[in-house]
Protein backbone atom coordinates (compact mmCIF):
# COMPACT_ATOMS: atom_id res chain seq x y z
CA MET A 1 0.00 0.00 0.00
CA ALA A 2 2.82 2.36 0.84
CA VAL A 3 4.52 1.74 -2.52
CA GLN A 4 1.25 2.27 -4.37
CA SER A 5 0.63 5.49 -2.45
CA LYS A 6 4.09 6.76 -3.41
CA ARG A 7 3.49 5.94 -7.05
CA THR A 8 0.15 7.76 -6.95
CA ARG A 9 1.75 10.88 -5.45
CA LEU A 10 4.58 10.70 -8.01
CA LEU A 11 2.11 10.41 -10.89
CA LYS A 12 0.11 13.37 -9.58
CA ARG A 13 3.26 15.43 -9.26
CA LEU A 14 4.46 14.52 -12.74
CA SER A 15 1.01 15.29 -14.15
CA SER A 16 1.07 18.71 -12.46
CA TYR A 17 4.53 19.44 -13.85
CA ALA A 18 3.44 18.33 -17.33
CA VAL A 19 0.41 20.63 -17.24
CA LEU A 20 2.51 23.56 -15.99
CA LEU A 21 5.15 22.90 -18.65
CA PHE A 22 2.47 22.79 -21.34
CA PHE A 23 1.03 26.17 -20.34
CA CYS A 24 4.54 27.66 -20.02
CA ILE A 25 5.26 26.62 -23.60
CA ILE A 26 1.97 28.16 -24.73
CA SER A 27 2.88 31.42 -22.95
CA ILE A 28 6.44 31.56 -24.25
CA PHE A 29 5.65 30.58 -27.84
CA PRO A 30 4.28 34.02 -28.98
CA ILE A 31 7.30 35.79 -27.47
CA TRP A 32 9.66 33.37 -29.22
CA GLN A 33 7.83 34.06 -32.48
CA ILE A 34 8.33 37.82 -32.07
CA VAL A 35 12.04 37.33 -31.31
CA ASN A 36 12.37 35.07 -34.35
CA ILE A 37 10.62 37.55 -36.67
CA SER A 38 12.72 40.46 -35.39
CA LEU A 39 15.94 38.58 -36.23
CA ARG A 40 14.93 37.65 -39.78
CA PRO A 41 16.30 39.77 -42.62
CA GLY A 42 13.75 41.78 -44.59
CA ASN A 43 10.07 41.63 -43.81
CA GLN A 44 9.58 37.86 -43.59
CA LEU A 45 6.58 36.95 -41.43
CA LEU A 46 6.01 33.23 -41.98
CA SER A 47 8.66 30.54 -41.91
CA THR A 48 8.43 26.76 -42.32
CA THR A 49 11.45 26.06 -40.12
CA LEU A 50 11.28 25.46 -36.37
CA GLU A 51 14.68 26.96 -35.58
CA ILE A 52 14.82 28.76 -32.25
CA ILE A 53 17.13 31.31 -33.82
CA PRO A 54 16.98 31.68 -37.62
CA SER A 55 20.15 30.60 -39.43
CA ASN A 56 20.42 33.94 -41.23
CA ALA A 57 19.72 35.96 -38.07
CA THR A 58 20.67 39.62 -38.12
CA LEU A 59 20.33 42.62 -35.83
CA GLU A 60 19.63 44.88 -38.78
CA ASN A 61 16.04 45.55 -37.69
CA TYR A 62 17.16 46.69 -34.23
CA MET A 63 19.90 48.90 -35.68
CA ASN A 64 17.51 50.51 -38.15
CA LEU A 65 14.94 51.04 -35.41
CA LEU A 66 17.31 52.61 -32.88
CA SER A 67 18.90 54.80 -35.54
CA SER A 68 15.47 56.10 -36.53
CA GLY A 69 14.66 59.49 -35.08
CA SER A 70 10.95 58.70 -35.16
CA PHE A 71 11.24 55.69 -32.85
CA LEU A 72 13.35 57.60 -30.33
CA LEU A 73 10.78 60.40 -30.43
CA TRP A 74 7.94 57.92 -29.78
CA LEU A 75 9.96 56.44 -26.92
CA TRP A 76 10.47 59.87 -25.38
CA ASN A 77 6.79 60.76 -25.77
CA SER A 78 5.65 57.50 -24.14
CA THR A 79 8.13 57.91 -21.29
CA LEU A 80 7.01 61.48 -20.65
CA VAL A 81 3.29 60.61 -20.66
CA SER A 82 3.75 57.44 -18.59
CA LEU A 83 5.84 59.16 -15.92
CA ALA A 84 3.31 62.02 -15.70
CA VAL A 85 0.43 59.55 -15.29
CA THR A 86 2.42 57.54 -12.73
CA LEU A 87 3.23 60.62 -10.66
CA THR A 88 -0.37 61.85 -10.85
CA GLY A 89 -1.74 58.44 -9.90
CA VAL A 90 0.59 57.99 -6.92
CA VAL A 91 -0.01 61.48 -5.51
CA LEU A 92 -3.79 61.53 -5.92
CA ALA A 93 -4.43 57.88 -5.03
CA SER A 94 -2.25 57.99 -1.90
CA THR A 95 -3.97 61.09 -0.55
CA ALA A 96 -7.52 60.21 -1.63
CA GLY A 97 -7.17 56.65 -0.34
CA TYR A 98 -5.97 57.98 3.02
CA ALA A 99 -8.95 60.32 3.26
CA PHE A 100 -11.41 57.51 2.50
CA SER A 101 -9.69 55.24 5.01
CA ARG A 102 -9.24 57.56 7.98
CA PHE A 103 -11.82 60.37 7.82
CA ARG A 104 -15.58 60.47 8.07
CA PHE A 105 -17.34 62.94 5.80
CA VAL A 106 -20.59 63.37 3.94
CA GLY A 107 -20.67 61.34 0.74
CA LYS A 108 -17.85 58.96 1.71
CA LYS A 109 -19.77 55.76 0.99
CA PHE A 110 -21.32 57.21 -2.15
CA GLY A 111 -17.89 58.29 -3.38
CA LEU A 112 -16.42 54.82 -2.88
CA LEU A 113 -19.35 53.19 -4.64
CA THR A 114 -19.06 55.67 -7.49
CA LEU A 115 -15.38 54.86 -7.94
CA LEU A 116 -16.20 51.17 -7.90
CA THR A 117 -19.03 51.62 -10.42
CA THR A 118 -16.72 53.29 -12.94
CA GLN A 119 -14.73 50.04 -13.13
CA MET A 120 -17.77 48.28 -14.59
CA PHE A 121 -17.64 50.32 -17.79
CA PRO A 122 -15.04 49.68 -20.52
CA ALA A 123 -12.74 52.53 -21.48
CA THR A 124 -14.25 52.65 -24.97
CA MET A 125 -17.63 53.54 -23.45
CA LEU A 126 -16.11 56.55 -21.68
CA LEU A 127 -14.12 57.66 -24.71
CA LEU A 128 -16.84 59.80 -26.30
CA PRO A 129 -17.72 61.91 -23.21
CA MET A 130 -14.04 62.34 -22.39
CA TYR A 131 -13.34 63.37 -25.99
CA ILE A 132 -16.10 66.00 -25.85
CA MET A 133 -14.75 67.25 -22.52
CA LEU A 134 -11.24 67.61 -23.96
CA ILE A 135 -12.62 69.51 -26.98
CA ASN A 136 -14.34 71.98 -24.65
CA LEU A 137 -11.11 72.39 -22.67
CA GLY A 138 -9.02 72.77 -25.82
CA LEU A 139 -6.82 69.80 -24.89
CA ILE A 140 -7.15 67.71 -28.05
CA ASN A 141 -3.73 66.90 -29.55
CA THR A 142 -1.90 67.66 -26.29
CA TYR A 143 -0.03 65.56 -23.77
CA LEU A 144 -2.11 67.06 -20.96
CA GLY A 145 -5.31 65.71 -22.51
CA VAL A 146 -3.89 62.18 -22.70
CA VAL A 147 -2.58 62.38 -19.12
CA ILE A 148 -6.00 63.47 -17.85
CA VAL A 149 -7.80 60.58 -19.57
CA TYR A 150 -5.23 57.98 -18.49
CA SER A 151 -5.23 59.24 -14.90
CA ALA A 152 -9.03 59.22 -14.75
CA THR A 153 -8.99 55.63 -16.00
CA ALA A 154 -6.38 54.39 -13.53
CA LEU A 155 -7.34 56.32 -10.39
CA PRO A 156 -10.48 54.39 -9.26
CA PHE A 157 -8.58 51.09 -8.97
CA CYS A 158 -5.56 52.82 -7.40
CA ILE A 159 -7.67 54.66 -4.82
CA TRP A 160 -9.41 51.45 -3.77
CA THR A 161 -6.06 49.67 -3.51
CA MET A 162 -4.57 52.41 -1.33
CA LYS A 163 -7.70 52.67 0.82
CA GLY A 164 -7.72 48.93 1.46
CA TYR A 165 -4.04 48.95 2.40
CA TYR A 166 -4.40 51.94 4.74
CA ASP A 167 -7.17 50.02 6.54
CA THR A 168 -4.59 47.38 7.53
CA ILE A 169 -2.33 49.97 9.21
CA PRO A 170 -3.27 50.46 12.91
CA ALA A 171 -4.52 53.94 13.75
CA THR A 172 -2.57 53.76 17.02
CA LEU A 173 0.62 54.51 15.05
CA GLU A 174 -0.79 57.89 14.06
CA GLU A 175 -1.90 58.56 17.63
CA ALA A 176 1.62 57.80 18.88
CA ALA A 177 3.12 60.09 16.23
CA SER A 178 0.78 62.94 17.18
CA ILE A 179 1.73 62.52 20.85
CA ASP A 180 5.39 62.83 19.81
CA GLY A 181 4.56 66.19 18.21
CA CYS A 182 4.06 65.27 14.52
CA SER A 183 1.54 67.29 12.56
CA PRO A 184 -1.11 65.37 10.53
CA PHE A 185 0.89 65.90 7.34
CA MET A 186 4.17 64.76 8.91
CA THR A 187 2.41 61.71 10.35
CA PHE A 188 1.10 60.82 6.92
CA TYR A 189 4.42 61.52 5.18
CA ARG A 190 6.85 59.97 7.68
CA VAL A 191 4.79 57.16 9.24
CA ILE A 192 1.98 56.03 6.95
CA LEU A 193 3.54 56.35 3.49
CA PRO A 194 6.66 54.25 4.28
CA LEU A 195 4.42 51.49 5.66
CA ALA A 196 2.23 51.66 2.54
CA ALA A 197 5.18 51.15 0.16
CA PRO A 198 3.79 47.89 -1.35
CA ALA A 199 0.47 49.57 -2.21
CA LEU A 200 2.32 52.57 -3.65
CA VAL A 201 4.29 50.21 -5.88
CA ILE A 202 1.05 48.63 -7.14
CA THR A 203 -0.39 52.09 -7.80
CA ALA A 204 2.71 53.26 -9.65
CA LEU A 205 2.98 50.08 -11.74
CA PHE A 206 -0.70 50.06 -12.69
CA SER A 207 -0.62 53.75 -13.62
CA PHE A 208 2.53 53.26 -15.69
CA MET A 209 1.12 50.28 -17.57
CA THR A 210 -2.15 52.11 -18.22
CA ALA A 211 -0.28 54.80 -20.13
CA TRP A 212 2.64 52.82 -21.61
CA SER A 213 0.74 50.34 -23.79
CA GLU A 214 -2.58 52.10 -24.46
CA TYR A 215 -3.51 52.69 -28.09
CA LEU A 216 -7.20 53.54 -28.55
CA VAL A 217 -7.37 56.75 -26.49
CA ALA A 218 -4.04 58.02 -27.83
CA ALA A 219 -5.18 57.40 -31.42
CA GLN A 220 -8.20 59.67 -30.90
CA ILE A 221 -6.46 62.48 -29.02
CA LEU A 222 -2.94 62.64 -30.48
CA GLN A 223 -3.35 63.59 -34.14
CA ASP A 224 0.08 65.14 -34.68
CA SER A 225 2.71 62.53 -35.57
CA GLN A 226 5.27 64.46 -33.53
CA LEU A 227 3.21 63.68 -30.41
CA TRP A 228 2.71 59.97 -31.10
CA THR A 229 3.43 57.47 -28.35
CA LEU A 230 4.93 54.01 -28.95
CA PRO A 231 1.64 52.15 -29.66
CA LEU A 232 0.75 54.71 -32.33
CA GLY A 233 4.25 54.51 -33.77
CA LEU A 234 4.12 50.71 -33.97
CA LYS A 235 0.79 50.95 -35.75
CA SER A 236 2.43 53.10 -38.42
CA PHE A 237 4.57 50.11 -39.46
CA GLU A 238 1.33 48.60 -40.76
CA ALA A 239 0.24 49.50 -44.28
CA SER A 240 -2.55 48.39 -46.59
CA MET A 241 -0.14 46.79 -49.07
CA SER A 242 2.78 45.70 -46.87
CA THR A 243 3.88 45.61 -43.24
CA GLN A 244 7.40 46.03 -41.91
CA TRP A 245 7.30 42.88 -39.82
CA GLY A 246 10.95 42.93 -38.81
CA LEU A 247 10.73 46.45 -37.42
CA TYR A 248 7.37 45.61 -35.86
CA GLY A 249 8.84 42.64 -33.99
CA ALA A 250 11.96 44.50 -32.85
CA ALA A 251 9.92 47.47 -31.63
CA SER A 252 7.49 45.18 -29.78
CA LEU A 253 10.33 43.61 -27.83
CA ILE A 254 11.90 46.96 -26.97
CA VAL A 255 8.52 48.29 -25.77
CA MET A 256 8.14 45.21 -23.57
CA ILE A 257 11.49 45.65 -21.79
CA PRO A 258 10.57 48.52 -19.37
CA VAL A 259 7.48 46.71 -18.07
CA VAL A 260 9.38 43.44 -17.57
CA VAL A 261 12.21 45.24 -15.76
CA LEU A 262 9.73 47.03 -13.48
CA PHE A 263 8.01 43.75 -12.62
CA LEU A 264 11.34 42.10 -11.79
CA LEU A 265 12.53 45.01 -9.66
CA LEU A 266 9.25 45.45 -7.79
CA SER A 267 8.14 41.81 -7.59
CA ARG A 268 8.77 41.57 -3.84
CA TYR A 269 6.22 44.32 -3.25
CA LEU A 270 3.54 43.03 -5.62
CA VAL A 271 2.17 40.08 -3.62
CA SER A 272 1.90 41.94 -0.31
CA GLY A 273 0.48 45.03 -2.02
CA LEU A 274 -2.31 43.10 -3.73
CA THR A 275 -3.17 40.68 -0.90
CA LEU A 276 -3.04 42.95 2.17
CA GLY A 277 -4.94 45.67 0.35
CA SER A 278 -7.83 43.29 -0.27
CA VAL A 279 -8.29 42.12 3.33
CA LYS A 280 -10.38 45.07 4.42
CA GLY A 281 -12.64 47.32 2.42
């Protein structure tokens, strides 16, 4: 019986590993395809070989892309917009979440429910009213208009995340700080914010990703090619008659690098930021 039980456990373990390996291959396969396409000379999309690295691999696509002034301009534009949205999201979500967590005021519950309700609607549904609002404000074809829309899209989730995390921090810490002579602002800045670092990381990462890879809103607001962000620039590689697949693949990988690096650097904060912030609400 003991031998049979060991065999059963071993088979279950091997089956679990096989399933995990299968899904890992499925996840990695599209990325491998992009790498393969970016290393092919010319604009070859399809290939009948199963080589991990093509035999005639070249870095020509990457060299052409990085030597292109347009790509560097798109990279700068995306970085500028994403950092502005990240800063706006962190500042507003950290303060608004603290207010919802610690203070009692008229409309608190309604405000939280309203923020939650906005998450039920897709961004495309809100695009038209936001577009009309930006026209009235004269912010079409400006970075500020894009930052406003991206921030408005990211803030509800970020505020709820910060509010939930603040709820896990004991209020006695603030009482002790006030007894030691700290003002409310200093208590928030020196005591609460350092403890809420995991939630701040989640807020910053979500805000950054909202702006970095978004295409639909940017395509409607940014009409000047000099203001294009990376998703709009990558779309320009597509044409009705032909597509520059090599440049498309190389650019896709370069665009992916900042997000991957951020995830690797901030991974130790991600689990605690998402789990602790969901305990209370």
